[in-house]
Amino acid sequence: MKISLEIPDNMLAAFMELLQGVPYVKQAKPVKAKALDATQYLESNPANHARVLAAIEGLEKGQHDVAGRAQLFRSLFGAWQSEESGEELNRQLREARQSTRPDIEL
C-alpha cells in the first residue's frame, strides 16, 4: 500500500527519522507538489470555487466593465481598503497582540 502525506518542510526531518525507525516501512523519494496557477489555486479552496467559476464565466461573456473587473479582482484576492496607512495598521496589530509566552533573549 502506498500513502501520500503532506508534511510541513520544517517537520520533514523529524518525520523521516521517525519512519526510518520502523523496519517494515520502505523509504520513498519525496514528491514535490506541482505549482498551481492563480486560477487553480483559487479553485482549490471550496469556498472560492463557485465564485471563481462564476467570475470566469462573466468575463468570458463580457459582463464586467473595467470598474466591475477591479471590484471582482478585489473580491477574489482579498484586497484591503482602509483610511489608515499600512504603518498605522501594523502599529494597531502590534498593540493588540497578547502573548502569554515569556520573552526570550537570544
PDB file of N, CA and C in Angstrom:
ATOM      1  N   MET A   1       0.847  -1.169   0.000  1.00  0.00           N
ATOM      2  CA  MET A   1       0.000   0.000   0.000  1.00  0.00           C
ATOM      3  C   MET A   1       0.890   1.228   0.000  1.00  0.00           C
ATOM      4  N   LYS A   2       0.509   2.222  -0.788  1.00  0.00           N
ATOM      5  CA  LYS A   2       1.232   3.484  -0.807  1.00  0.00           C
ATOM      6  C   LYS A   2       0.327   4.562  -0.252  1.00  0.00           C
ATOM      7  N   ILE A   3       0.904   5.430   0.565  1.00  0.00           N
ATOM      8  CA  ILE A   3       0.169   6.525   1.179  1.00  0.00           C
ATOM      9  C   ILE A   3       0.914   7.815   0.885  1.00  0.00           C
ATOM     10  N   SER A   4       0.189   8.835   0.531  1.00  0.00           N
ATOM     11  CA  SER A   4       0.788  10.141   0.275  1.00  0.00           C
ATOM     12  C   SER A   4       0.437  11.064   1.444  1.00  0.00           C
ATOM     13  N   LEU A   5       1.454  11.694   1.998  1.00  0.00           N
ATOM     14  CA  LEU A   5       1.252  12.601   3.129  1.00  0.00           C
ATOM     15  C   LEU A   5       1.805  13.979   2.799  1.00  0.00           C
ATOM     16  N   GLU A   6       1.170  15.002   3.309  1.00  0.00           N
ATOM     17  CA  GLU A   6       1.709  16.354   3.195  1.00  0.00           C
ATOM     18  C   GLU A   6       2.276  16.727   4.554  1.00  0.00           C
ATOM     19  N   ILE A   7       3.558  17.021   4.586  1.00  0.00           N
ATOM     20  CA  ILE A   7       4.253  17.329   5.835  1.00  0.00           C
ATOM     21  C   ILE A   7       4.939  18.681   5.675  1.00  0.00           C
ATOM     22  N   PRO A   8       4.761  19.582   6.637  1.00  0.00           N
ATOM     23  CA  PRO A   8       5.445  20.878   6.535  1.00  0.00           C
ATOM     24  C   PRO A   8       6.957  20.678   6.453  1.00  0.00           C
ATOM     25  N   ASP A   9       7.611  21.534   5.664  1.00  0.00           N
ATOM     26  CA  ASP A   9       9.059  21.414   5.458  1.00  0.00           C
ATOM     27  C   ASP A   9       9.824  21.402   6.772  1.00  0.00           C
ATOM     28  N   ASN A  10       9.378  22.209   7.736  1.00  0.00           N
ATOM     29  CA  ASN A  10      10.123  22.289   8.990  1.00  0.00           C
ATOM     30  C   ASN A  10       9.978  21.032   9.851  1.00  0.00           C
ATOM     31  N   MET A  11       9.053  20.132   9.511  1.00  0.00           N
ATOM     32  CA  MET A  11       8.855  18.905  10.282  1.00  0.00           C
ATOM     33  C   MET A  11       9.334  17.658   9.529  1.00  0.00           C
ATOM     34  N   LEU A  12       9.774  17.830   8.287  1.00  0.00           N
ATOM     35  CA  LEU A  12      10.116  16.681   7.457  1.00  0.00           C
ATOM     36  C   LEU A  12      11.256  15.851   8.032  1.00  0.00           C
ATOM     37  N   ALA A  13      12.316  16.491   8.496  1.00  0.00           N
ATOM     38  CA  ALA A  13      13.472  15.744   9.007  1.00  0.00           C
ATOM     39  C   ALA A  13      13.076  14.861  10.190  1.00  0.00           C
ATOM     40  N   ALA A  14      12.295  15.406  11.117  1.00  0.00           N
ATOM     41  CA  ALA A  14      11.877  14.637  12.294  1.00  0.00           C
ATOM     42  C   ALA A  14      10.968  13.482  11.886  1.00  0.00           C
ATOM     43  N   PHE A  15      10.080  13.739  10.924  1.00  0.00           N
ATOM     44  CA  PHE A  15       9.166  12.688  10.477  1.00  0.00           C
ATOM     45  C   PHE A  15       9.925  11.561   9.779  1.00  0.00           C
ATOM     46  N   MET A  16      10.896  11.922   8.934  1.00  0.00           N
ATOM     47  CA  MET A  16      11.680  10.907   8.233  1.00  0.00           C
ATOM     48  C   MET A  16      12.492  10.073   9.227  1.00  0.00           C
ATOM     49  N   GLU A  17      13.022  10.718  10.252  1.00  0.00           N
ATOM     50  CA  GLU A  17      13.770   9.986  11.282  1.00  0.00           C
ATOM     51  C   GLU A  17      12.858   8.991  11.987  1.00  0.00           C
ATOM     52  N   LEU A  18      11.634   9.393  12.255  1.00  0.00           N
ATOM     53  CA  LEU A  18      10.666   8.500  12.888  1.00  0.00           C
ATOM     54  C   LEU A  18      10.367   7.298  11.983  1.00  0.00           C
ATOM     55  N   LEU A  19      10.155   7.545  10.705  1.00  0.00           N
ATOM     56  CA  LEU A  19       9.852   6.447   9.782  1.00  0.00           C
ATOM     57  C   LEU A  19      11.022   5.492   9.609  1.00  0.00           C
ATOM     58  N   GLN A  20      12.249   6.006   9.660  1.00  0.00           N
ATOM     59  CA  GLN A  20      13.415   5.145   9.499  1.00  0.00           C
ATOM     60  C   GLN A  20      13.533   4.144  10.646  1.00  0.00           C
ATOM     61  N   GLY A  21      12.912   4.439  11.772  1.00  0.00           N
ATOM     62  CA  GLY A  21      12.934   3.528  12.908  1.00  0.00           C
ATOM     63  C   GLY A  21      11.922   2.403  12.799  1.00  0.00           C
ATOM     64  N   VAL A  22      11.059   2.452  11.798  1.00  0.00           N
ATOM     65  CA  VAL A  22      10.052   1.414  11.596  1.00  0.00           C
ATOM     66  C   VAL A  22      10.573   0.473  10.508  1.00  0.00           C
ATOM     67  N   PRO A  23      10.865  -0.789  10.871  1.00  0.00           N
ATOM     68  CA  PRO A  23      11.550  -1.687   9.936  1.00  0.00           C
ATOM     69  C   PRO A  23      10.750  -2.061   8.691  1.00  0.00           C
ATOM     70  N   TYR A  24       9.447  -2.059   8.737  1.00  0.00           N
ATOM     71  CA  TYR A  24       8.658  -2.509   7.594  1.00  0.00           C
ATOM     72  C   TYR A  24       8.201  -1.364   6.680  1.00  0.00           C
ATOM     73  N   VAL A  25       8.700  -0.154   6.906  1.00  0.00           N
ATOM     74  CA  VAL A  25       8.362   0.984   6.048  1.00  0.00           C
ATOM     75  C   VAL A  25       9.511   1.228   5.089  1.00  0.00           C
ATOM     76  N   LYS A  26       9.202   1.174   3.794  1.00  0.00           N
ATOM     77  CA  LYS A  26      10.215   1.458   2.782  1.00  0.00           C
ATOM     78  C   LYS A  26      10.288   2.964   2.579  1.00  0.00           C
ATOM     79  N   GLN A  27      11.508   3.454   2.421  1.00  0.00           N
ATOM     80  CA  GLN A  27      11.673   4.879   2.205  1.00  0.00           C
ATOM     81  C   GLN A  27      11.425   5.206   0.738  1.00  0.00           C
ATOM     82  N   ALA A  28      10.545   6.131   0.521  1.00  0.00           N
ATOM     83  CA  ALA A  28      10.255   6.571  -0.847  1.00  0.00           C
ATOM     84  C   ALA A  28      10.853   7.950  -1.060  1.00  0.00           C
ATOM     85  N   LYS A  29      10.981   8.316  -2.316  1.00  0.00           N
ATOM     86  CA  LYS A  29      11.513   9.626  -2.634  1.00  0.00           C
ATOM     87  C   LYS A  29      10.436  10.678  -2.381  1.00  0.00           C
ATOM     88  N   PRO A  30      10.813  11.827  -1.808  1.00  0.00           N
ATOM     89  CA  PRO A  30       9.822  12.893  -1.618  1.00  0.00           C
ATOM     90  C   PRO A  30       9.286  13.363  -2.968  1.00  0.00           C
ATOM     91  N   VAL A  31       8.009  13.660  -2.992  1.00  0.00           N
ATOM     92  CA  VAL A  31       7.359  14.143  -4.200  1.00  0.00           C
ATOM     93  C   VAL A  31       7.031  15.617  -4.007  1.00  0.00           C
ATOM     94  N   LYS A  32       7.482  16.423  -4.925  1.00  0.00           N
ATOM     95  CA  LYS A  32       7.180  17.850  -4.863  1.00  0.00           C
ATOM     96  C   LYS A  32       5.812  18.094  -5.475  1.00  0.00           C
ATOM     97  N   ALA A  33       5.020  18.911  -4.809  1.00  0.00           N
ATOM     98  CA  ALA A  33       3.717  19.279  -5.348  1.00  0.00           C
ATOM     99  C   ALA A  33       3.917  20.209  -6.536  1.00  0.00           C
ATOM    100  N   LYS A  34       3.113  20.013  -7.565  1.00  0.00           N
ATOM    101  CA  LYS A  34       3.261  20.875  -8.733  1.00  0.00           C
ATOM    102  C   LYS A  34       2.686  22.251  -8.411  1.00  0.00           C
ATOM    103  N   ALA A  35       3.275  23.247  -9.014  1.00  0.00           N
ATOM    104  CA  ALA A  35       2.840  24.621  -8.787  1.00  0.00           C
ATOM    105  C   ALA A  35       1.492  24.850  -9.461  1.00  0.00           C
ATOM    106  N   LEU A  36       0.618  25.565  -8.764  1.00  0.00           N
ATOM    107  CA  LEU A  36      -0.694  25.885  -9.312  1.00  0.00           C
ATOM    108  C   LEU A  36      -0.678  27.304  -9.858  1.00  0.00           C
ATOM    109  N   ASP A  37      -1.398  27.523 -10.964  1.00  0.00           N
ATOM    110  CA  ASP A  37      -1.532  28.905 -11.402  1.00  0.00           C
ATOM    111  C   ASP A  37      -2.594  29.574 -10.527  1.00  0.00           C
ATOM    112  N   ALA A  38      -2.804  30.859 -10.699  1.00  0.00           N
ATOM    113  CA  ALA A  38      -3.697  31.611  -9.814  1.00  0.00           C
ATOM    114  C   ALA A  38      -5.113  31.058  -9.828  1.00  0.00           C
ATOM    115  N   THR A  39      -5.619  30.701 -10.993  1.00  0.00           N
ATOM    116  CA  THR A  39      -6.983  30.178 -11.081  1.00  0.00           C
ATOM    117  C   THR A  39      -7.090  28.828 -10.375  1.00  0.00           C
ATOM    118  N   GLN A  40      -6.125  27.952 -10.597  1.00  0.00           N
ATOM    119  CA  GLN A  40      -6.149  26.643  -9.933  1.00  0.00           C
ATOM    120  C   GLN A  40      -6.065  26.808  -8.417  1.00  0.00           C
ATOM    121  N   TYR A  41      -5.232  27.739  -7.966  1.00  0.00           N
ATOM    122  CA  TYR A  41      -5.093  27.970  -6.527  1.00  0.00           C
ATOM    123  C   TYR A  41      -6.421  28.426  -5.928  1.00  0.00           C
ATOM    124  N   LEU A  42      -7.075  29.379  -6.589  1.00  0.00           N
ATOM    125  CA  LEU A  42      -8.347  29.869  -6.071  1.00  0.00           C
ATOM    126  C   LEU A  42      -9.421  28.784  -6.106  1.00  0.00           C
ATOM    127  N   GLU A  43      -9.417  27.978  -7.155  1.00  0.00           N
ATOM    128  CA  GLU A  43     -10.409  26.907  -7.259  1.00  0.00           C
ATOM    129  C   GLU A  43     -10.150  25.776  -6.275  1.00  0.00           C
ATOM    130  N   SER A  44      -8.931  25.656  -5.758  1.00  0.00           N
ATOM    131  CA  SER A  44      -8.623  24.575  -4.825  1.00  0.00           C
ATOM    132  C   SER A  44      -9.313  24.772  -3.480  1.00  0.00           C
ATOM    133  N   ASN A  45      -9.754  25.974  -3.193  1.00  0.00           N
ATOM    134  CA  ASN A  45     -10.478  26.261  -1.964  1.00  0.00           C
ATOM    135  C   ASN A  45     -11.973  26.147  -2.266  1.00  0.00           C
ATOM    136  N   PRO A  46     -12.689  25.224  -1.626  1.00  0.00           N
ATOM    137  CA  PRO A  46     -14.111  25.046  -1.933  1.00  0.00           C
ATOM    138  C   PRO A  46     -14.936  26.320  -1.760  1.00  0.00           C
ATOM    139  N   ALA A  47     -14.545  27.175  -0.827  1.00  0.00           N
ATOM    140  CA  ALA A  47     -15.298  28.405  -0.605  1.00  0.00           C
ATOM    141  C   ALA A  47     -15.184  29.348  -1.802  1.00  0.00           C
ATOM    142  N   ASN A  48     -14.075  29.302  -2.503  1.00  0.00           N
ATOM    143  CA  ASN A  48     -13.856  30.191  -3.647  1.00  0.00           C
ATOM    144  C   ASN A  48     -14.294  29.579  -4.974  1.00  0.00           C
ATOM    145  N   HIS A  49     -14.371  28.277  -5.036  1.00  0.00           N
ATOM    146  CA  HIS A  49     -14.549  27.581  -6.315  1.00  0.00           C
ATOM    147  C   HIS A  49     -15.729  28.131  -7.126  1.00  0.00           C
ATOM    148  N   ALA A  50     -16.903  28.200  -6.537  1.00  0.00           N
ATOM    149  CA  ALA A  50     -18.088  28.661  -7.273  1.00  0.00           C
ATOM    150  C   ALA A  50     -17.934  30.113  -7.704  1.00  0.00           C
ATOM    151  N   ARG A  51     -17.361  30.947  -6.827  1.00  0.00           N
ATOM    152  CA  ARG A  51     -17.179  32.367  -7.171  1.00  0.00           C
ATOM    153  C   ARG A  51     -16.202  32.532  -8.325  1.00  0.00           C
ATOM    154  N   VAL A  52     -15.137  31.753  -8.330  1.00  0.00           N
ATOM    155  CA  VAL A  52     -14.154  31.847  -9.412  1.00  0.00           C
ATOM    156  C   VAL A  52     -14.781  31.428 -10.735  1.00  0.00           C
ATOM    157  N   LEU A  53     -15.512  30.313 -10.735  1.00  0.00           N
ATOM    158  CA  LEU A  53     -16.155  29.854 -11.961  1.00  0.00           C
ATOM    159  C   LEU A  53     -17.161  30.875 -12.476  1.00  0.00           C
ATOM    160  N   ALA A  54     -17.941  31.472 -11.578  1.00  0.00           N
ATOM    161  CA  ALA A  54     -18.912  32.488 -11.990  1.00  0.00           C
ATOM    162  C   ALA A  54     -18.199  33.719 -12.544  1.00  0.00           C
ATOM    163  N   ALA A  55     -17.093  34.105 -11.930  1.00  0.00           N
ATOM    164  CA  ALA A  55     -16.342  35.265 -12.400  1.00  0.00           C
ATOM    165  C   ALA A  55     -15.760  35.011 -13.784  1.00  0.00           C
ATOM    166  N   ILE A  56     -15.193  33.830 -13.988  1.00  0.00           N
ATOM    167  CA  ILE A  56     -14.627  33.486 -15.296  1.00  0.00           C
ATOM    168  C   ILE A  56     -15.721  33.492 -16.356  1.00  0.00           C
ATOM    169  N   GLU A  57     -16.856  32.918 -16.021  1.00  0.00           N
ATOM    170  CA  GLU A  57     -17.971  32.879 -16.970  1.00  0.00           C
ATOM    171  C   GLU A  57     -18.433  34.296 -17.315  1.00  0.00           C
ATOM    172  N   GLY A  58     -18.523  35.153 -16.312  1.00  0.00           N
ATOM    173  CA  GLY A  58     -18.927  36.533 -16.561  1.00  0.00           C
ATOM    174  C   GLY A  58     -17.937  37.280 -17.434  1.00  0.00           C
ATOM    175  N   LEU A  59     -16.645  37.059 -17.184  1.00  0.00           N
ATOM    176  CA  LEU A  59     -15.620  37.706 -18.011  1.00  0.00           C
ATOM    177  C   LEU A  59     -15.679  37.214 -19.454  1.00  0.00           C
ATOM    178  N   GLU A  60     -15.898  35.923 -19.632  1.00  0.00           N
ATOM    179  CA  GLU A  60     -15.977  35.373 -20.981  1.00  0.00           C
ATOM    180  C   GLU A  60     -17.173  35.919 -21.747  1.00  0.00           C
ATOM    181  N   LYS A  61     -18.256  36.202 -21.041  1.00  0.00           N
ATOM    182  CA  LYS A  61     -19.451  36.747 -21.681  1.00  0.00           C
ATOM    183  C   LYS A  61     -19.385  38.268 -21.816  1.00  0.00           C
ATOM    184  N   GLY A  62     -18.301  38.887 -21.289  1.00  0.00           N
ATOM    185  CA  GLY A  62     -18.161  40.338 -21.386  1.00  0.00           C
ATOM    186  C   GLY A  62     -19.107  41.091 -20.472  1.00  0.00           C
ATOM    187  N   GLN A  63     -19.496  40.503 -19.357  1.00  0.00           N
ATOM    188  CA  GLN A  63     -20.461  41.121 -18.456  1.00  0.00           C
ATOM    189  C   GLN A  63     -19.834  42.127 -17.487  1.00  0.00           C
ATOM    190  N   HIS A  64     -18.523  42.221 -17.445  1.00  0.00           N
ATOM    191  CA  HIS A  64     -17.879  43.115 -16.486  1.00  0.00           C
ATOM    192  C   HIS A  64     -17.185  44.248 -17.225  1.00  0.00           C
ATOM    193  N   ASP A  65     -17.487  45.483 -16.830  1.00  0.00           N
ATOM    194  CA  ASP A  65     -16.746  46.616 -17.372  1.00  0.00           C
ATOM    195  C   ASP A  65     -15.462  46.771 -16.558  1.00  0.00           C
ATOM    196  N   VAL A  66     -14.683  47.822 -16.828  1.00  0.00           N
ATOM    197  CA  VAL A  66     -13.401  47.999 -16.150  1.00  0.00           C
ATOM    198  C   VAL A  66     -13.588  48.127 -14.638  1.00  0.00           C
ATOM    199  N   ALA A  67     -14.557  48.916 -14.201  1.00  0.00           N
ATOM    200  CA  ALA A  67     -14.807  49.072 -12.762  1.00  0.00           C
ATOM    201  C   ALA A  67     -15.259  47.745 -12.153  1.00  0.00           C
ATOM    202  N   GLY A  68     -16.080  47.017 -12.902  1.00  0.00           N
ATOM    203  CA  GLY A  68     -16.544  45.717 -12.415  1.00  0.00           C
ATOM    204  C   GLY A  68     -15.405  44.716 -12.302  1.00  0.00           C
ATOM    205  N   ARG A  69     -14.460  44.787 -13.232  1.00  0.00           N
ATOM    206  CA  ARG A  69     -13.302  43.886 -13.173  1.00  0.00           C
ATOM    207  C   ARG A  69     -12.438  44.194 -11.966  1.00  0.00           C
ATOM    208  N   ALA A  70     -12.252  45.490 -11.666  1.00  0.00           N
ATOM    209  CA  ALA A  70     -11.459  45.863 -10.494  1.00  0.00           C
ATOM    210  C   ALA A  70     -12.138  45.377  -9.218  1.00  0.00           C
ATOM    211  N   GLN A  71     -13.451  45.537  -9.151  1.00  0.00           N
ATOM    212  CA  GLN A  71     -14.189  45.076  -7.972  1.00  0.00           C
ATOM    213  C   GLN A  71     -14.118  43.554  -7.865  1.00  0.00           C
ATOM    214  N   LEU A  72     -14.239  42.870  -8.983  1.00  0.00           N
ATOM    215  CA  LEU A  72     -14.141  41.416  -8.994  1.00  0.00           C
ATOM    216  C   LEU A  72     -12.758  40.968  -8.521  1.00  0.00           C
ATOM    217  N   PHE A  73     -11.718  41.632  -9.016  1.00  0.00           N
ATOM    218  CA  PHE A  73     -10.356  41.307  -8.608  1.00  0.00           C
ATOM    219  C   PHE A  73     -10.208  41.454  -7.097  1.00  0.00           C
ATOM    220  N   ARG A  74     -10.677  42.560  -6.547  1.00  0.00           N
ATOM    221  CA  ARG A  74     -10.561  42.779  -5.095  1.00  0.00           C
ATOM    222  C   ARG A  74     -11.338  41.724  -4.308  1.00  0.00           C
ATOM    223  N   SER A  75     -12.506  41.333  -4.797  1.00  0.00           N
ATOM    224  CA  SER A  75     -13.305  40.351  -4.060  1.00  0.00           C
ATOM    225  C   SER A  75     -12.666  38.980  -4.065  1.00  0.00           C
ATOM    226  N   LEU A  76     -11.960  38.632  -5.162  1.00  0.00           N
ATOM    227  CA  LEU A  76     -11.340  37.316  -5.238  1.00  0.00           C
ATOM    228  C   LEU A  76      -9.996  37.254  -4.540  1.00  0.00           C
ATOM    229  N   PHE A  77      -9.261  38.347  -4.537  1.00  0.00           N
ATOM    230  CA  PHE A  77      -7.904  38.324  -3.999  1.00  0.00           C
ATOM    231  C   PHE A  77      -7.789  38.995  -2.632  1.00  0.00           C
ATOM    232  N   GLY A  78      -8.857  39.446  -2.048  1.00  0.00           N
ATOM    233  CA  GLY A  78      -8.815  39.962  -0.691  1.00  0.00           C
ATOM    234  C   GLY A  78      -8.119  41.297  -0.557  1.00  0.00           C
ATOM    235  N   ALA A  79      -8.257  42.180  -1.527  1.00  0.00           N
ATOM    236  CA  ALA A  79      -7.640  43.498  -1.413  1.00  0.00           C
ATOM    237  C   ALA A  79      -8.261  44.245  -0.232  1.00  0.00           C
ATOM    238  N   TRP A  80      -7.450  45.037   0.427  1.00  0.00           N
ATOM    239  CA  TRP A  80      -7.875  45.744   1.625  1.00  0.00           C
ATOM    240  C   TRP A  80      -7.942  47.224   1.336  1.00  0.00           C
ATOM    241  N   GLN A  81      -9.043  47.859   1.711  1.00  0.00           N
ATOM    242  CA  GLN A  81      -9.166  49.303   1.582  1.00  0.00           C
ATOM    243  C   GLN A  81      -9.439  49.861   2.959  1.00  0.00           C
ATOM    244  N   SER A  82      -8.674  50.878   3.322  1.00  0.00           N
ATOM    245  CA  SER A  82      -8.818  51.462   4.642  1.00  0.00           C
ATOM    246  C   SER A  82      -8.300  52.891   4.603  1.00  0.00           C
ATOM    247  N   GLU A  83      -8.791  53.712   5.528  1.00  0.00           N
ATOM    248  CA  GLU A  83      -8.293  55.077   5.619  1.00  0.00           C
ATOM    249  C   GLU A  83      -6.948  55.125   6.348  1.00  0.00           C
ATOM    250  N   GLU A  84      -6.639  54.083   7.146  1.00  0.00           N
ATOM    251  CA  GLU A  84      -5.362  54.038   7.847  1.00  0.00           C
ATOM    252  C   GLU A  84      -4.251  53.636   6.891  1.00  0.00           C
ATOM    253  N   SER A  85      -3.061  54.144   7.150  1.00  0.00           N
ATOM    254  CA  SER A  85      -1.905  53.744   6.342  1.00  0.00           C
ATOM    255  C   SER A  85      -1.459  52.350   6.786  1.00  0.00           C
ATOM    256  N   GLY A  86      -0.583  51.744   5.994  1.00  0.00           N
ATOM    257  CA  GLY A  86      -0.043  50.435   6.342  1.00  0.00           C
ATOM    258  C   GLY A  86       0.694  50.468   7.664  1.00  0.00           C
ATOM    259  N   GLU A  87       1.452  51.552   7.899  1.00  0.00           N
ATOM    260  CA  GLU A  87       2.191  51.683   9.160  1.00  0.00           C
ATOM    261  C   GLU A  87       1.234  51.760  10.352  1.00  0.00           C
ATOM    262  N   GLU A  88       0.129  52.474  10.179  1.00  0.00           N
ATOM    263  CA  GLU A  88      -0.852  52.601  11.258  1.00  0.00           C
ATOM    264  C   GLU A  88      -1.511  51.256  11.551  1.00  0.00           C
ATOM    265  N   LEU A  89      -1.855  50.500  10.508  1.00  0.00           N
ATOM    266  CA  LEU A  89      -2.445  49.176  10.715  1.00  0.00           C
ATOM    267  C   LEU A  89      -1.466  48.248  11.420  1.00  0.00           C
ATOM    268  N   ASN A  90      -0.181  48.291  11.021  1.00  0.00           N
ATOM    269  CA  ASN A  90       0.832  47.469  11.687  1.00  0.00           C
ATOM    270  C   ASN A  90       0.951  47.835  13.160  1.00  0.00           C
ATOM    271  N   ARG A  91       0.937  49.131  13.458  1.00  0.00           N
ATOM    272  CA  ARG A  91       1.033  49.576  14.850  1.00  0.00           C
ATOM    273  C   ARG A  91      -0.166  49.049  15.651  1.00  0.00           C
ATOM    274  N   GLN A  92      -1.375  49.159  15.091  1.00  0.00           N
ATOM    275  CA  GLN A  92      -2.576  48.681  15.777  1.00  0.00           C
ATOM    276  C   GLN A  92      -2.509  47.177  16.027  1.00  0.00           C
ATOM    277  N   LEU A  93      -2.042  46.430  15.040  1.00  0.00           N
ATOM    278  CA  LEU A  93      -1.928  44.978  15.216  1.00  0.00           C
ATOM    279  C   LEU A  93      -0.931  44.623  16.311  1.00  0.00           C
ATOM    280  N   ARG A  94       0.212  45.299  16.321  1.00  0.00           N
ATOM    281  CA  ARG A  94       1.222  45.016  17.351  1.00  0.00           C
ATOM    282  C   ARG A  94       0.688  45.331  18.745  1.00  0.00           C
ATOM    283  N   GLU A  95      -0.028  46.445  18.870  1.00  0.00           N
ATOM    284  CA  GLU A  95      -0.569  46.827  20.178  1.00  0.00           C
ATOM    285  C   GLU A  95      -1.667  45.878  20.645  1.00  0.00           C
ATOM    286  N   ALA A  96      -2.390  45.272  19.699  1.00  0.00           N
ATOM    287  CA  ALA A  96      -3.494  44.380  20.055  1.00  0.00           C
ATOM    288  C   ALA A  96      -3.027  42.969  20.411  1.00  0.00           C
ATOM    289  N   ARG A  97      -1.788  42.637  20.100  1.00  0.00           N
ATOM    290  CA  ARG A  97      -1.280  41.292  20.392  1.00  0.00           C
ATOM    291  C   ARG A  97      -1.216  41.048  21.889  1.00  0.00           C
ATOM    292  N   GLN A  98      -1.591  39.837  22.250  1.00  0.00           N
ATOM    293  CA  GLN A  98      -1.477  39.408  23.633  1.00  0.00           C
ATOM    294  C   GLN A  98      -0.779  38.060  23.635  1.00  0.00           C
ATOM    295  N   SER A  99       0.260  37.940  24.427  1.00  0.00           N
ATOM    296  CA  SER A  99       1.001  36.693  24.463  1.00  0.00           C
ATOM    297  C   SER A  99       1.266  36.305  25.903  1.00  0.00           C
ATOM    298  N   THR A 100       1.140  35.008  26.173  1.00  0.00           N
ATOM    299  CA  THR A 100       1.450  34.510  27.497  1.00  0.00           C
ATOM    300  C   THR A 100       2.846  33.892  27.531  1.00  0.00           C
ATOM    301  N   ARG A 101       3.528  33.932  26.387  1.00  0.00           N
ATOM    302  CA  ARG A 101       4.880  33.389  26.334  1.00  0.00           C
ATOM    303  C   ARG A 101       5.839  34.364  26.971  1.00  0.00           C
ATOM    304  N   PRO A 102       6.815  33.845  27.695  1.00  0.00           N
ATOM    305  CA  PRO A 102       7.819  34.737  28.276  1.00  0.00           C
ATOM    306  C   PRO A 102       8.758  35.245  27.191  1.00  0.00           C
ATOM    307  N   ASP A 103       9.280  36.438  27.370  1.00  0.00           N
ATOM    308  CA  ASP A 103      10.255  36.967  26.422  1.00  0.00           C
ATOM    309  C   ASP A 103      11.549  36.167  26.542  1.00  0.00           C
ATOM    310  N   ILE A 104      12.115  35.818  25.405  1.00  0.00           N
ATOM    311  CA  ILE A 104      13.373  35.064  25.372  1.00  0.00           C
ATOM    312  C   ILE A 104      14.408  35.897  24.651  1.00  0.00           C
ATOM    313  N   GLU A 105      15.494  36.136  25.292  1.00  0.00           N
ATOM    314  CA  GLU A 105      16.579  36.893  24.662  1.00  0.00           C
ATOM    315  C   GLU A 105      17.536  35.913  24.006  1.00  0.00           C
ATOM    316  N   LEU A 106      17.887  36.198  22.779  1.00  0.00           N
ATOM    317  CA  LEU A 106      18.801  35.327  22.058  1.00  0.00           C
ATOM    318  C   LEU A 106      20.177  35.925  22.047  1.00  0.00           C
TER     319      LEU A 106
END
